[in-house]
């Protein structure tokens, strides 16, 4: 392996989800699962013993839940980073986990593309912070996902001023998927690759079309209704 491994501990009580998480994580280079804990108490002990770079943690667990576990990790000397994967979707839990330093929050059920994106974002975040020297404001903004720009097919798309209900990280993920292929994608294909609902993907795509960052192509098949497909627009000028 050319890249230095990013060592991960998974804290999750469901054996099936443990294996899914392990499989998904290790499909993304250079992440490697070095330990799996069944609850928060085991998880804290495992983190202290193994000193991983990243913890992937659930919220709802027996013995000790994810909120208390993350609180303990932050109260100690551990410098580990955290990504949450959980069925919890209430705003209070999300806010609490983010306040205690979670890098990302993924709601179950999820698809591989969503965790892949979270891991790639974390890998880039880690890489940027390990480089020597000072950083610019734009680099800080990008690290914090507040002002995100995505360069694809020689086009720069600013994603920091969005309509209400649209989020820069999700929009950047959609732009990245469109830029990763020369073929036009349907809303369903975009949704599957990003790991969001089709209706949600359609809202973002409609915005990109109106902003003239994406072109809409209507494809007519032999049978059934025509399909709307989307491709990044060529750069103006």
C-alpha atoms as a PDB file:
ATOM      1  CA  UNK A   1       0.000   0.000   0.000  1.00  0.00           C
ATOM      2  CA  UNK A   2       1.522   3.298  -1.109  1.00  0.00           C
ATOM      3  CA  UNK A   3      -0.537   5.519   1.174  1.00  0.00           C
ATOM      4  CA  UNK A   4      -0.199   5.434   4.937  1.00  0.00           C
ATOM      5  CA  UNK A   5      -3.166   3.536   6.367  1.00  0.00           C
ATOM      6  CA  UNK A   6      -5.906   5.473   8.130  1.00  0.00           C
ATOM      7  CA  UNK A   7      -6.798   3.252  11.081  1.00  0.00           C
ATOM      8  CA  UNK A   8     -10.477   2.993  12.002  1.00  0.00           C
ATOM      9  CA  UNK A   9     -12.394   1.627  14.997  1.00  0.00           C
ATOM     10  CA  UNK A  10     -16.088   0.827  14.447  1.00  0.00           C
ATOM     11  CA  UNK A  11     -18.413   1.138  17.477  1.00  0.00           C
ATOM     12  CA  UNK A  12     -21.709  -0.539  16.533  1.00  0.00           C
ATOM     13  CA  UNK A  13     -23.873  -3.136  18.306  1.00  0.00           C
ATOM     14  CA  UNK A  14     -25.572  -4.744  15.275  1.00  0.00           C
ATOM     15  CA  UNK A  15     -23.342  -7.553  13.859  1.00  0.00           C
ATOM     16  CA  UNK A  16     -24.752  -7.150  10.344  1.00  0.00           C
ATOM     17  CA  UNK A  17     -24.123  -3.389  10.323  1.00  0.00           C
ATOM     18  CA  UNK A  18     -20.644  -4.018  11.734  1.00  0.00           C
ATOM     19  CA  UNK A  19     -19.784  -6.118   8.691  1.00  0.00           C
ATOM     20  CA  UNK A  20     -21.381  -3.650   6.271  1.00  0.00           C
ATOM     21  CA  UNK A  21     -19.415  -0.806   7.810  1.00  0.00           C
ATOM     22  CA  UNK A  22     -16.183  -2.789   7.723  1.00  0.00           C
ATOM     23  CA  UNK A  23     -16.721  -3.793   4.105  1.00  0.00           C
ATOM     24  CA  UNK A  24     -17.612  -0.279   2.958  1.00  0.00           C
ATOM     25  CA  UNK A  25     -14.780   1.391   4.875  1.00  0.00           C
ATOM     26  CA  UNK A  26     -12.112  -0.959   3.562  1.00  0.00           C
ATOM     27  CA  UNK A  27     -13.278  -0.408  -0.035  1.00  0.00           C
ATOM     28  CA  UNK A  28     -11.934   3.153   0.285  1.00  0.00           C
ATOM     29  CA  UNK A  29      -8.149   3.515   0.250  1.00  0.00           C
ATOM     30  CA  UNK A  30      -6.243   3.811   2.552  1.00  0.00           C
ATOM     31  CA  UNK A  31      -8.777   3.120   5.325  1.00  0.00           C
ATOM     32  CA  UNK A  32      -8.351  -0.036   7.436  1.00  0.00           C
ATOM     33  CA  UNK A  33     -10.605  -1.255  10.250  1.00  0.00           C
ATOM     34  CA  UNK A  34      -8.385  -2.244  13.183  1.00  0.00           C
ATOM     35  CA  UNK A  35     -11.118  -2.968  15.731  1.00  0.00           C
ATOM     36  CA  UNK A  36     -14.863  -3.405  16.204  1.00  0.00           C
ATOM     37  CA  UNK A  37     -16.635  -2.723  19.514  1.00  0.00           C
ATOM     38  CA  UNK A  38     -20.187  -3.763  20.443  1.00  0.00           C
ATOM     39  CA  UNK A  39     -21.017  -0.795  22.675  1.00  0.00           C
ATOM     40  CA  UNK A  40     -19.673   2.489  23.921  1.00  0.00           C
ATOM     41  CA  UNK A  41     -17.855   1.110  26.962  1.00  0.00           C
ATOM     42  CA  UNK A  42     -15.934  -1.379  24.814  1.00  0.00           C
ATOM     43  CA  UNK A  43     -15.416   1.340  22.243  1.00  0.00           C
ATOM     44  CA  UNK A  44     -13.749   3.789  24.636  1.00  0.00           C
ATOM     45  CA  UNK A  45     -11.430   1.041  25.907  1.00  0.00           C
ATOM     46  CA  UNK A  46     -10.586   0.001  22.334  1.00  0.00           C
ATOM     47  CA  UNK A  47      -9.827   3.558  21.264  1.00  0.00           C
ATOM     48  CA  UNK A  48      -7.521   4.047  24.244  1.00  0.00           C
ATOM     49  CA  UNK A  49      -5.757   0.764  23.492  1.00  0.00           C
ATOM     50  CA  UNK A  50      -5.464   0.965  19.698  1.00  0.00           C
ATOM     51  CA  UNK A  51      -5.172   4.747  19.230  1.00  0.00           C
ATOM     52  CA  UNK A  52      -6.946   4.825  15.837  1.00  0.00           C
ATOM     53  CA  UNK A  53      -7.144   7.861  13.572  1.00  0.00           C
ATOM     54  CA  UNK A  54     -10.912   7.657  13.088  1.00  0.00           C
ATOM     55  CA  UNK A  55     -13.932   6.252  14.918  1.00  0.00           C
ATOM     56  CA  UNK A  56     -17.160   5.330  13.102  1.00  0.00           C
ATOM     57  CA  UNK A  57     -19.847   5.277  15.782  1.00  0.00           C
ATOM     58  CA  UNK A  58     -23.556   4.504  16.205  1.00  0.00           C
ATOM     59  CA  UNK A  59     -25.812   6.439  18.600  1.00  0.00           C
ATOM     60  CA  UNK A  60     -28.333   3.820  19.762  1.00  0.00           C
ATOM     61  CA  UNK A  61     -26.372   1.094  21.580  1.00  0.00           C
ATOM     62  CA  UNK A  62     -26.825  -0.963  24.765  1.00  0.00           C
ATOM     63  CA  UNK A  63     -24.673  -0.421  27.879  1.00  0.00           C
ATOM     64  CA  UNK A  64     -23.560   3.014  26.678  1.00  0.00           C
ATOM     65  CA  UNK A  65     -24.882   5.067  23.753  1.00  0.00           C
ATOM     66  CA  UNK A  66     -22.914   7.050  21.215  1.00  0.00           C
ATOM     67  CA  UNK A  67     -23.544  10.447  22.778  1.00  0.00           C
ATOM     68  CA  UNK A  68     -22.050   9.480  26.132  1.00  0.00           C
ATOM     69  CA  UNK A  69     -19.235   7.642  24.364  1.00  0.00           C
ATOM     70  CA  UNK A  70     -18.285  10.667  22.279  1.00  0.00           C
ATOM     71  CA  UNK A  71     -18.486  12.842  25.404  1.00  0.00           C
ATOM     72  CA  UNK A  72     -16.011  10.531  27.163  1.00  0.00           C
ATOM     73  CA  UNK A  73     -13.644  10.531  24.200  1.00  0.00           C
ATOM     74  CA  UNK A  74     -13.631  14.323  24.112  1.00  0.00           C
ATOM     75  CA  UNK A  75     -13.155  14.555  27.892  1.00  0.00           C
ATOM     76  CA  UNK A  76     -10.035  12.400  27.697  1.00  0.00           C
ATOM     77  CA  UNK A  77      -6.729  12.812  25.909  1.00  0.00           C
ATOM     78  CA  UNK A  78      -7.762  10.945  22.754  1.00  0.00           C
ATOM     79  CA  UNK A  79      -7.289  12.977  19.570  1.00  0.00           C
ATOM     80  CA  UNK A  80      -9.346  10.638  17.403  1.00  0.00           C
ATOM     81  CA  UNK A  81     -11.748  11.980  14.754  1.00  0.00           C
ATOM     82  CA  UNK A  82     -15.353  10.743  14.542  1.00  0.00           C
ATOM     83  CA  UNK A  83     -17.946   9.974  11.866  1.00  0.00           C
ATOM     84  CA  UNK A  84     -21.459   9.063  13.032  1.00  0.00           C
ATOM     85  CA  UNK A  85     -23.523   6.366  11.276  1.00  0.00           C
ATOM     86  CA  UNK A  86     -26.880   5.923  12.974  1.00  0.00           C
ATOM     87  CA  UNK A  87     -30.642   5.605  12.647  1.00  0.00           C
ATOM     88  CA  UNK A  88     -31.026   8.668  14.875  1.00  0.00           C
ATOM     89  CA  UNK A  89     -32.379  11.513  12.760  1.00  0.00           C
ATOM     90  CA  UNK A  90     -33.689  14.032  15.284  1.00  0.00           C
ATOM     91  CA  UNK A  91     -32.144  17.484  15.176  1.00  0.00           C
ATOM     92  CA  UNK A  92     -31.113  17.481  18.825  1.00  0.00           C
ATOM     93  CA  UNK A  93     -29.000  14.330  18.441  1.00  0.00           C
ATOM     94  CA  UNK A  94     -27.434  15.599  15.226  1.00  0.00           C
ATOM     95  CA  UNK A  95     -26.602  18.935  16.844  1.00  0.00           C
ATOM     96  CA  UNK A  96     -25.159  17.256  19.945  1.00  0.00           C
ATOM     97  CA  UNK A  97     -22.881  14.933  17.973  1.00  0.00           C
ATOM     98  CA  UNK A  98     -21.669  17.771  15.763  1.00  0.00           C
ATOM     99  CA  UNK A  99     -21.007  19.970  18.803  1.00  0.00           C
ATOM    100  CA  UNK A 100     -18.819  17.223  20.230  1.00  0.00           C
ATOM    101  CA  UNK A 101     -16.762  17.218  17.066  1.00  0.00           C
ATOM    102  CA  UNK A 102     -18.265  14.645  14.697  1.00  0.00           C
ATOM    103  CA  UNK A 103     -16.830  15.171  11.208  1.00  0.00           C
ATOM    104  CA  UNK A 104     -19.908  13.819   9.429  1.00  0.00           C
ATOM    105  CA  UNK A 105     -23.340  12.390  10.245  1.00  0.00           C
ATOM    106  CA  UNK A 106     -24.785   9.582   8.100  1.00  0.00           C
ATOM    107  CA  UNK A 107     -28.353   8.368   8.647  1.00  0.00           C
ATOM    108  CA  UNK A 108     -29.228   4.684   8.253  1.00  0.00           C
ATOM    109  CA  UNK A 109     -30.053   3.140   5.873  1.00  0.00           C
ATOM    110  CA  UNK A 110     -27.249   4.462   3.719  1.00  0.00           C
ATOM    111  CA  UNK A 111     -25.518   3.526   0.490  1.00  0.00           C
ATOM    112  CA  UNK A 112     -21.830   2.972  -0.172  1.00  0.00           C
ATOM    113  CA  UNK A 113     -21.465   6.223  -2.111  1.00  0.00           C
ATOM    114  CA  UNK A 114     -22.470   8.258   0.951  1.00  0.00           C
ATOM    115  CA  UNK A 115     -19.890   6.708   3.250  1.00  0.00           C
ATOM    116  CA  UNK A 116     -17.313   6.792   0.464  1.00  0.00           C
ATOM    117  CA  UNK A 117     -17.832  10.533   0.150  1.00  0.00           C
ATOM    118  CA  UNK A 118     -17.553  11.013   3.920  1.00  0.00           C
ATOM    119  CA  UNK A 119     -14.295   9.072   4.028  1.00  0.00           C
ATOM    120  CA  UNK A 120     -12.833  10.887   1.029  1.00  0.00           C
ATOM    121  CA  UNK A 121     -13.747  14.241   2.587  1.00  0.00           C
ATOM    122  CA  UNK A 122     -12.060  13.161   5.816  1.00  0.00           C
ATOM    123  CA  UNK A 123      -8.993  11.893   3.972  1.00  0.00           C
ATOM    124  CA  UNK A 124      -8.617  15.264   2.228  1.00  0.00           C
ATOM    125  CA  UNK A 125      -9.230  17.133   5.501  1.00  0.00           C
ATOM    126  CA  UNK A 126      -6.536  15.063   7.212  1.00  0.00           C
ATOM    127  CA  UNK A 127      -4.125  15.508   4.321  1.00  0.00           C
ATOM    128  CA  UNK A 128      -4.551  19.296   4.244  1.00  0.00           C
ATOM    129  CA  UNK A 129      -3.958  19.690   7.970  1.00  0.00           C
ATOM    130  CA  UNK A 130      -0.826  17.528   7.920  1.00  0.00           C
ATOM    131  CA  UNK A 131       0.880  19.711   5.318  1.00  0.00           C
ATOM    132  CA  UNK A 132       3.430  22.200   6.576  1.00  0.00           C
ATOM    133  CA  UNK A 133       2.978  25.936   6.228  1.00  0.00           C
ATOM    134  CA  UNK A 134       0.112  28.377   6.451  1.00  0.00           C
ATOM    135  CA  UNK A 135      -3.278  28.131   4.769  1.00  0.00           C
ATOM    136  CA  UNK A 136      -5.420  30.697   2.982  1.00  0.00           C
ATOM    137  CA  UNK A 137      -8.960  31.669   3.972  1.00  0.00           C
ATOM    138  CA  UNK A 138     -10.379  29.820   0.963  1.00  0.00           C
ATOM    139  CA  UNK A 139      -8.553  26.654   2.047  1.00  0.00           C
ATOM    140  CA  UNK A 140      -9.966  27.008   5.563  1.00  0.00           C
ATOM    141  CA  UNK A 141     -13.455  27.514   4.094  1.00  0.00           C
ATOM    142  CA  UNK A 142     -13.098  24.394   1.997  1.00  0.00           C
ATOM    143  CA  UNK A 143     -11.916  22.354   4.981  1.00  0.00           C
ATOM    144  CA  UNK A 144     -14.952  23.483   6.974  1.00  0.00           C
ATOM    145  CA  UNK A 145     -17.365  22.783   4.070  1.00  0.00           C
ATOM    146  CA  UNK A 146     -18.805  26.302   4.408  1.00  0.00           C
ATOM    147  CA  UNK A 147     -17.681  27.744   1.096  1.00  0.00           C
ATOM    148  CA  UNK A 148     -17.155  24.878  -1.319  1.00  0.00           C
ATOM    149  CA  UNK A 149     -15.979  25.188  -4.876  1.00  0.00           C
ATOM    150  CA  UNK A 150     -15.886  22.256  -7.214  1.00  0.00           C
ATOM    151  CA  UNK A 151     -13.734  22.276 -10.330  1.00  0.00           C
ATOM    152  CA  UNK A 152     -14.821  19.880 -13.025  1.00  0.00           C
ATOM    153  CA  UNK A 153     -14.461  19.840 -16.799  1.00  0.00           C
ATOM    154  CA  UNK A 154     -12.648  23.214 -16.678  1.00  0.00           C
ATOM    155  CA  UNK A 155     -15.622  24.837 -14.951  1.00  0.00           C
ATOM    156  CA  UNK A 156     -15.606  26.354 -11.465  1.00  0.00           C
ATOM    157  CA  UNK A 157     -18.954  26.300  -9.681  1.00  0.00           C
ATOM    158  CA  UNK A 158     -19.387  28.369  -6.527  1.00  0.00           C
ATOM    159  CA  UNK A 159     -21.557  26.596  -3.997  1.00  0.00           C
ATOM    160  CA  UNK A 160     -21.570  28.972  -1.045  1.00  0.00           C
ATOM    161  CA  UNK A 161     -24.768  30.950  -1.817  1.00  0.00           C
ATOM    162  CA  UNK A 162     -27.622  28.500  -2.175  1.00  0.00           C
ATOM    163  CA  UNK A 163     -31.423  28.681  -1.959  1.00  0.00           C
ATOM    164  CA  UNK A 164     -32.991  27.664   1.345  1.00  0.00           C
ATOM    165  CA  UNK A 165     -33.027  23.895   1.796  1.00  0.00           C
ATOM    166  CA  UNK A 166     -30.013  23.194  -0.420  1.00  0.00           C
ATOM    167  CA  UNK A 167     -26.678  22.326   1.164  1.00  0.00           C
ATOM    168  CA  UNK A 168     -23.218  22.973  -0.231  1.00  0.00           C
ATOM    169  CA  UNK A 169     -21.782  19.549   0.610  1.00  0.00           C
ATOM    170  CA  UNK A 170     -24.601  17.665  -1.130  1.00  0.00           C
ATOM    171  CA  UNK A 171     -24.468  19.955  -4.152  1.00  0.00           C
ATOM    172  CA  UNK A 172     -20.703  19.500  -4.404  1.00  0.00           C
ATOM    173  CA  UNK A 173     -21.158  15.729  -4.310  1.00  0.00           C
ATOM    174  CA  UNK A 174     -23.667  15.923  -7.181  1.00  0.00           C
ATOM    175  CA  UNK A 175     -21.352  18.129  -9.240  1.00  0.00           C
ATOM    176  CA  UNK A 176     -18.505  15.698  -8.604  1.00  0.00           C
ATOM    177  CA  UNK A 177     -20.585  12.754  -9.836  1.00  0.00           C
ATOM    178  CA  UNK A 178     -21.613  14.629 -12.980  1.00  0.00           C
ATOM    179  CA  UNK A 179     -18.003  15.554 -13.623  1.00  0.00           C
ATOM    180  CA  UNK A 180     -16.792  11.990 -13.145  1.00  0.00           C
ATOM    181  CA  UNK A 181     -18.440  10.717 -16.348  1.00  0.00           C
ATOM    182  CA  UNK A 182     -18.811  11.925 -19.911  1.00  0.00           C
ATOM    183  CA  UNK A 183     -22.325  10.481 -20.070  1.00  0.00           C
ATOM    184  CA  UNK A 184     -25.461  12.333 -19.050  1.00  0.00           C
ATOM    185  CA  UNK A 185     -26.986  10.948 -15.849  1.00  0.00           C
ATOM    186  CA  UNK A 186     -30.613  10.646 -14.809  1.00  0.00           C
ATOM    187  CA  UNK A 187     -31.838  11.971 -11.457  1.00  0.00           C
ATOM    188  CA  UNK A 188     -32.184   8.359 -10.295  1.00  0.00           C
ATOM    189  CA  UNK A 189     -28.563   7.579 -11.221  1.00  0.00           C
ATOM    190  CA  UNK A 190     -27.320  10.714  -9.459  1.00  0.00           C
ATOM    191  CA  UNK A 191     -29.365   9.851  -6.360  1.00  0.00           C
ATOM    192  CA  UNK A 192     -27.936   6.335  -6.243  1.00  0.00           C
ATOM    193  CA  UNK A 193     -24.337   7.513  -6.609  1.00  0.00           C
ATOM    194  CA  UNK A 194     -24.637  10.216  -3.947  1.00  0.00           C
ATOM    195  CA  UNK A 195     -26.850   8.179  -1.601  1.00  0.00           C
ATOM    196  CA  UNK A 196     -29.888  10.486  -1.471  1.00  0.00           C
ATOM    197  CA  UNK A 197     -33.543  10.223  -2.501  1.00  0.00           C
ATOM    198  CA  UNK A 198     -34.389  10.732  -6.185  1.00  0.00           C
ATOM    199  CA  UNK A 199     -36.730  13.630  -5.407  1.00  0.00           C
ATOM    200  CA  UNK A 200     -33.928  15.328  -3.470  1.00  0.00           C
ATOM    201  CA  UNK A 201     -31.472  14.834  -6.314  1.00  0.00           C
ATOM    202  CA  UNK A 202     -34.032  16.324  -8.702  1.00  0.00           C
ATOM    203  CA  UNK A 203     -34.260  19.519  -6.606  1.00  0.00           C
ATOM    204  CA  UNK A 204     -30.504  20.029  -6.743  1.00  0.00           C
ATOM    205  CA  UNK A 205     -30.351  19.230 -10.445  1.00  0.00           C
ATOM    206  CA  UNK A 206     -33.172  21.665 -11.203  1.00  0.00           C
ATOM    207  CA  UNK A 207     -31.230  24.370  -9.352  1.00  0.00           C
ATOM    208  CA  UNK A 208     -28.059  23.611 -11.321  1.00  0.00           C
ATOM    209  CA  UNK A 209     -29.992  23.745 -14.592  1.00  0.00           C
ATOM    210  CA  UNK A 210     -31.545  27.132 -13.717  1.00  0.00           C
ATOM    211  CA  UNK A 211     -28.103  28.424 -12.709  1.00  0.00           C
ATOM    212  CA  UNK A 212     -26.804  27.243 -16.117  1.00  0.00           C
ATOM    213  CA  UNK A 213     -24.165  25.014 -14.542  1.00  0.00           C
ATOM    214  CA  UNK A 214     -25.862  21.865 -15.868  1.00  0.00           C
ATOM    215  CA  UNK A 215     -27.534  21.109 -19.184  1.00  0.00           C
ATOM    216  CA  UNK A 216     -30.764  19.113 -19.400  1.00  0.00           C
ATOM    217  CA  UNK A 217     -31.043  16.520 -22.151  1.00  0.00           C
ATOM    218  CA  UNK A 218     -34.331  14.727 -22.812  1.00  0.00           C
ATOM    219  CA  UNK A 219     -33.794  11.141 -23.957  1.00  0.00           C
ATOM    220  CA  UNK A 220     -36.538   9.326 -25.842  1.00  0.00           C
ATOM    221  CA  UNK A 221     -36.602   5.549 -25.607  1.00  0.00           C
ATOM    222  CA  UNK A 222     -38.579   3.019 -27.580  1.00  0.00           C
ATOM    223  CA  UNK A 223     -41.229   2.566 -24.901  1.00  0.00           C
ATOM    224  CA  UNK A 224     -42.466   4.743 -22.051  1.00  0.00           C
ATOM    225  CA  UNK A 225     -41.975   8.348 -21.048  1.00  0.00           C
ATOM    226  CA  UNK A 226     -38.847  10.321 -22.040  1.00  0.00           C
ATOM    227  CA  UNK A 227     -36.078  10.502 -19.445  1.00  0.00           C
ATOM    228  CA  UNK A 228     -34.442  13.716 -18.268  1.00  0.00           C
ATOM    229  CA  UNK A 229     -30.667  13.384 -18.120  1.00  0.00           C
ATOM    230  CA  UNK A 230     -28.109  15.859 -16.854  1.00  0.00           C
ATOM    231  CA  UNK A 231     -24.557  16.800 -17.825  1.00  0.00           C
ATOM    232  CA  UNK A 232     -22.246  19.608 -16.714  1.00  0.00           C
ATOM    233  CA  UNK A 233     -22.510  22.626 -19.007  1.00  0.00           C
ATOM    234  CA  UNK A 234     -19.358  23.767 -20.836  1.00  0.00           C
ATOM    235  CA  UNK A 235     -17.595  26.709 -19.322  1.00  0.00           C
ATOM    236  CA  UNK A 236     -18.768  30.061 -20.678  1.00  0.00           C
ATOM    237  CA  UNK A 237     -16.302  32.179 -22.565  1.00  0.00           C
END
